[in-house]
Amino acid sequence: MTFNATQHTAIKRWVSRAVPMNGIFFRSVEYRYMDPLDVLSGAGARAHGGRFAPVGTRAVYLSVTDSGASKEVTARKARLGGVGQINTDKYPRVVYAVGVDLKKALSLTALGSTQAAEAIKTACLDKDDLTTSMELAGELISAGIEGLLFPSVVGGDDNLVVYRVNCGRKALSLKNEREVLDQVRRIAGRQTQIENQRRDRGWCQPGAWNLKAHDWMKGRDTASKTLRLSHE
């Protein structure tokens, strides 16, 4: 939809009431994207776009609960591929706790209950059409908004999209990075033992997940040190 004059007025009034937002949110990622150096980059949204994020926008999607984060990933995969491409019960995933510290954020529900506002919200939350939400995101980004809290359209919990272009690197921070890395090391170690036993018995070749996890872990410490040095 193209916003009319009344809707533009409602949006401007809403944007003027932006407030700080902080707390802990959650992000669920597949193991191949679990490198902490990439989790908060916003590269996925920039390449594919998403609700409230036009293609080319570096945006990070978070959820208020860890279970809600997993639901949103499954729904996003289904939308991009036309069918459910993953099953979170079968594919290894990790959930990061993300600290959020935004200075200028909005909640979609705070847009109001006028006819103009309701029309915007309904169009933005269309389950299959992201066009209006992307159009609104363009206006929010131009106004310097750092994040938008909005209801899930798949029956999960509220989600937060953070626009990296409008906030500093300290606006988002991983709170459980060490725990996640320790868990990956433990899983990779156990899997190595299992694969070695199977190989010794001639049952199978090493699993792809273990090989990728092992390769990822080998370069992880060096990459992390490099990133920390670049930020100092």
Protein backbone atom coordinates (compact mmCIF):
# COMPACT_ATOMS: atom_id res chain seq x y z
CA MET A 1 0.00 0.00 0.00
CA THR A 2 1.02 3.61 -0.43
CA PHE A 3 0.49 5.67 2.71
CA ASN A 4 -2.00 8.52 2.35
CA ALA A 5 -1.70 11.92 4.03
CA THR A 6 -3.59 10.83 7.15
CA GLN A 7 -1.41 7.77 7.55
CA HIS A 8 1.77 9.80 7.08
CA THR A 9 0.60 12.12 9.84
CA ALA A 10 -0.03 9.16 12.15
CA ILE A 11 3.43 7.78 11.40
CA LYS A 12 5.18 11.09 12.08
CA ARG A 13 3.31 11.51 15.37
CA TRP A 14 4.27 7.96 16.37
CA VAL A 15 7.94 8.44 15.45
CA SER A 16 8.08 11.60 17.58
CA ARG A 17 7.25 9.46 20.62
CA ALA A 18 10.20 7.08 20.22
CA VAL A 19 11.73 5.97 23.52
CA PRO A 20 14.79 4.03 24.74
CA MET A 21 14.52 0.25 24.85
CA ASN A 22 16.76 -2.16 26.71
CA GLY A 23 16.69 -5.71 28.00
CA ILE A 24 17.54 -9.27 27.03
CA PHE A 25 16.20 -10.72 23.78
CA PHE A 26 16.97 -13.97 21.95
CA ARG A 27 18.27 -15.00 18.54
CA SER A 28 18.13 -18.58 17.20
CA VAL A 29 20.63 -19.53 14.49
CA GLU A 30 21.65 -22.67 12.63
CA TYR A 31 25.05 -24.07 13.56
CA ARG A 32 26.56 -22.92 10.27
CA TYR A 33 25.74 -19.32 11.23
CA MET A 34 26.57 -19.61 14.92
CA ASP A 35 29.91 -17.80 14.83
CA PRO A 36 29.50 -14.94 17.34
CA LEU A 37 31.29 -12.67 14.88
CA ASP A 38 28.38 -13.01 12.46
CA VAL A 39 25.30 -13.38 14.67
CA LEU A 40 24.65 -9.65 15.03
CA SER A 41 25.93 -8.50 11.63
CA GLY A 42 22.55 -8.19 9.92
CA ALA A 43 24.00 -9.72 6.75
CA GLY A 44 21.11 -12.15 6.27
CA ALA A 45 18.47 -9.43 6.20
CA ARG A 46 20.62 -7.31 3.91
CA ALA A 47 20.76 -10.14 1.39
CA HIS A 48 17.16 -11.39 1.60
CA GLY A 49 15.13 -8.67 3.30
CA GLY A 50 12.38 -9.46 5.78
CA ARG A 51 9.43 -8.04 7.64
CA PHE A 52 10.19 -4.38 8.38
CA ALA A 53 13.52 -4.70 6.54
CA PRO A 54 13.85 -4.03 2.80
CA VAL A 55 16.58 -5.87 0.90
CA GLY A 56 19.85 -4.01 1.48
CA THR A 57 19.04 -3.22 5.12
CA ARG A 58 21.39 -4.56 7.78
CA ALA A 59 18.85 -5.66 10.36
CA VAL A 60 18.96 -8.13 13.23
CA TYR A 61 15.82 -10.01 14.27
CA LEU A 62 15.33 -10.92 17.92
CA SER A 63 12.50 -12.35 19.99
CA VAL A 64 11.46 -11.72 23.57
CA THR A 65 11.73 -15.47 24.32
CA ASP A 66 14.03 -18.25 23.15
CA SER A 67 11.09 -20.40 22.01
CA GLY A 68 9.69 -17.50 20.03
CA ALA A 69 13.04 -17.06 18.28
CA SER A 70 12.95 -20.65 17.00
CA LYS A 71 9.37 -20.30 15.74
CA GLU A 72 10.28 -17.21 13.76
CA VAL A 73 13.24 -18.93 12.09
CA THR A 74 11.05 -21.81 10.90
CA ALA A 75 8.45 -19.39 9.51
CA ARG A 76 11.11 -17.30 7.75
CA LYS A 77 12.60 -20.39 6.09
CA ALA A 78 9.17 -21.46 4.90
CA ARG A 79 8.48 -18.03 3.41
CA LEU A 80 11.82 -17.82 1.60
CA GLY A 81 11.68 -21.35 0.23
CA GLY A 82 7.97 -21.81 -0.30
CA VAL A 83 7.97 -24.83 2.00
CA GLY A 84 9.30 -25.55 5.47
CA GLN A 85 12.98 -26.14 4.73
CA ILE A 86 14.04 -26.97 8.26
CA ASN A 87 12.74 -28.76 11.28
CA THR A 88 14.15 -27.30 14.47
CA ASP A 89 13.90 -30.72 16.12
CA LYS A 90 16.31 -32.27 13.59
CA TYR A 91 18.80 -29.53 12.76
CA PRO A 92 21.40 -28.34 15.29
CA ARG A 93 20.72 -24.80 16.47
CA VAL A 94 21.96 -22.48 19.15
CA VAL A 95 20.09 -19.68 20.90
CA TYR A 96 21.97 -16.56 21.86
CA ALA A 97 20.88 -14.19 24.60
CA VAL A 98 21.35 -10.68 23.26
CA GLY A 99 21.61 -7.57 25.37
CA VAL A 100 19.77 -4.64 23.77
CA ASP A 101 20.44 -0.98 24.54
CA LEU A 102 18.62 1.30 22.11
CA LYS A 103 18.11 5.02 22.47
CA LYS A 104 15.32 5.48 19.93
CA ALA A 105 12.85 2.62 19.54
CA LEU A 106 9.17 2.10 18.83
CA SER A 107 6.47 -0.48 19.42
CA LEU A 108 4.07 -1.10 16.54
CA THR A 109 1.14 -1.32 18.95
CA ALA A 110 1.87 2.27 20.04
CA LEU A 111 1.00 3.50 16.55
CA GLY A 112 -2.50 3.93 17.90
CA SER A 113 -6.02 2.74 17.28
CA THR A 114 -7.26 5.27 14.74
CA GLN A 115 -8.58 4.00 11.44
CA ALA A 116 -5.37 5.11 9.71
CA ALA A 117 -3.16 3.39 12.29
CA GLU A 118 -5.14 0.16 12.23
CA ALA A 119 -4.92 0.00 8.45
CA ILE A 120 -1.14 0.36 8.61
CA LYS A 121 -0.74 -2.30 11.31
CA THR A 122 -3.00 -4.77 9.52
CA ALA A 123 -1.09 -4.39 6.25
CA CYS A 124 2.30 -4.61 7.97
CA LEU A 125 1.35 -7.85 9.71
CA ASP A 126 0.03 -9.60 6.62
CA LYS A 127 1.42 -13.12 6.91
CA ASP A 128 2.42 -13.43 3.26
CA ASP A 129 2.97 -9.88 2.02
CA LEU A 130 5.90 -7.89 3.43
CA THR A 131 5.57 -4.92 1.09
CA THR A 132 3.89 -2.47 3.49
CA SER A 133 6.15 -3.39 6.40
CA MET A 134 9.19 -2.72 4.19
CA GLU A 135 7.73 0.62 3.12
CA LEU A 136 7.18 1.60 6.74
CA ALA A 137 10.68 0.46 7.65
CA GLY A 138 12.11 2.84 5.06
CA GLU A 139 10.45 5.76 6.82
CA LEU A 140 11.57 4.59 10.25
CA ILE A 141 15.17 4.15 9.15
CA SER A 142 15.17 7.61 7.56
CA ALA A 143 13.88 9.03 10.86
CA GLY A 144 16.77 7.48 12.79
CA ILE A 145 14.74 4.79 14.55
CA GLU A 146 17.04 2.07 15.93
CA GLY A 147 14.53 -0.69 16.61
CA LEU A 148 10.91 -1.72 16.23
CA LEU A 149 9.01 -4.13 18.48
CA PHE A 150 6.18 -5.90 16.68
CA PRO A 151 3.81 -8.86 17.25
CA SER A 152 4.64 -12.24 15.77
CA VAL A 153 2.46 -13.28 12.83
CA VAL A 154 3.10 -17.00 13.46
CA GLY A 155 1.72 -17.22 16.97
CA GLY A 156 5.00 -16.68 18.76
CA ASP A 157 6.08 -13.91 21.09
CA ASP A 158 6.86 -10.31 20.17
CA ASN A 159 9.84 -9.68 17.93
CA LEU A 160 12.34 -6.85 17.74
CA VAL A 161 14.06 -5.76 14.55
CA VAL A 162 17.18 -3.65 15.09
CA TYR A 163 18.50 -1.41 12.33
CA ARG A 164 22.28 -1.59 12.53
CA VAL A 165 22.74 1.49 10.36
CA ASN A 166 21.17 3.68 13.06
CA CYS A 167 22.85 2.34 16.20
CA GLY A 168 26.38 1.89 17.46
CA ARG A 169 28.11 -1.47 17.84
CA LYS A 170 27.46 -1.46 21.61
CA ALA A 171 23.69 -1.37 21.08
CA LEU A 172 23.69 -5.18 20.80
CA SER A 173 25.86 -7.59 22.77
CA LEU A 174 25.96 -11.36 23.21
CA LYS A 175 25.40 -12.33 26.84
CA ASN A 176 25.96 -16.10 26.65
CA GLU A 177 28.77 -16.37 24.11
CA ARG A 178 31.06 -18.35 26.42
CA GLU A 179 28.30 -20.81 27.31
CA VAL A 180 27.45 -21.38 23.64
CA LEU A 181 31.08 -21.95 22.67
CA ASP A 182 31.57 -24.36 25.57
CA GLN A 183 28.48 -26.28 24.50
CA VAL A 184 29.72 -26.51 20.92
CA ARG A 185 33.07 -27.84 22.11
CA ARG A 186 31.38 -30.47 24.26
CA ILE A 187 29.09 -31.58 21.42
CA ALA A 188 31.95 -31.69 18.92
CA GLY A 189 34.05 -33.72 21.37
CA ARG A 190 31.30 -36.26 22.01
CA GLN A 191 30.54 -36.52 18.31
CA THR A 192 34.20 -37.11 17.55
CA GLN A 193 34.27 -40.03 19.95
CA ILE A 194 31.16 -41.54 18.39
CA GLU A 195 32.45 -41.09 14.85
CA ASN A 196 35.82 -42.62 15.76
CA GLN A 197 34.10 -45.66 17.22
CA ARG A 198 31.94 -46.06 14.12
CA ARG A 199 34.89 -45.61 11.79
CA ASP A 200 36.92 -48.20 13.72
CA ARG A 201 34.05 -50.62 13.25
CA GLY A 202 33.69 -49.72 9.58
CA TRP A 203 30.18 -48.35 10.02
CA CYS A 204 30.42 -44.92 8.43
CA GLN A 205 32.45 -41.87 7.52
CA PRO A 206 32.66 -38.88 9.92
CA GLY A 207 29.45 -36.83 10.00
CA ALA A 208 29.29 -33.56 8.12
CA TRP A 209 28.06 -31.66 11.16
CA ASN A 210 31.02 -32.73 13.24
CA LEU A 211 33.53 -31.85 10.52
CA LYS A 212 32.03 -28.39 10.03
CA ALA A 213 31.77 -27.75 13.76
CA HIS A 214 35.37 -28.85 14.22
CA ASP A 215 36.62 -26.63 11.39
CA TRP A 216 34.61 -23.70 12.75
CA MET A 217 36.01 -24.13 16.26
CA LYS A 218 39.62 -24.32 14.99
CA GLY A 219 39.47 -20.82 13.55
CA ARG A 220 37.13 -19.32 16.13
CA ASP A 221 39.66 -18.16 18.74
CA THR A 222 41.95 -16.47 16.21
CA ALA A 223 39.02 -14.67 14.55
CA SER A 224 37.66 -13.55 17.91
CA LYS A 225 41.02 -12.10 18.96
CA THR A 226 41.28 -10.26 15.65
CA LEU A 227 37.82 -8.71 16.11
CA ARG A 228 38.56 -7.63 19.68
CA LEU A 229 41.80 -5.97 18.60
CA SER A 230 40.02 -4.12 15.78
CA HIS A 231 37.54 -2.69 18.30
CA GLU A 232 40.17 -1.44 20.73
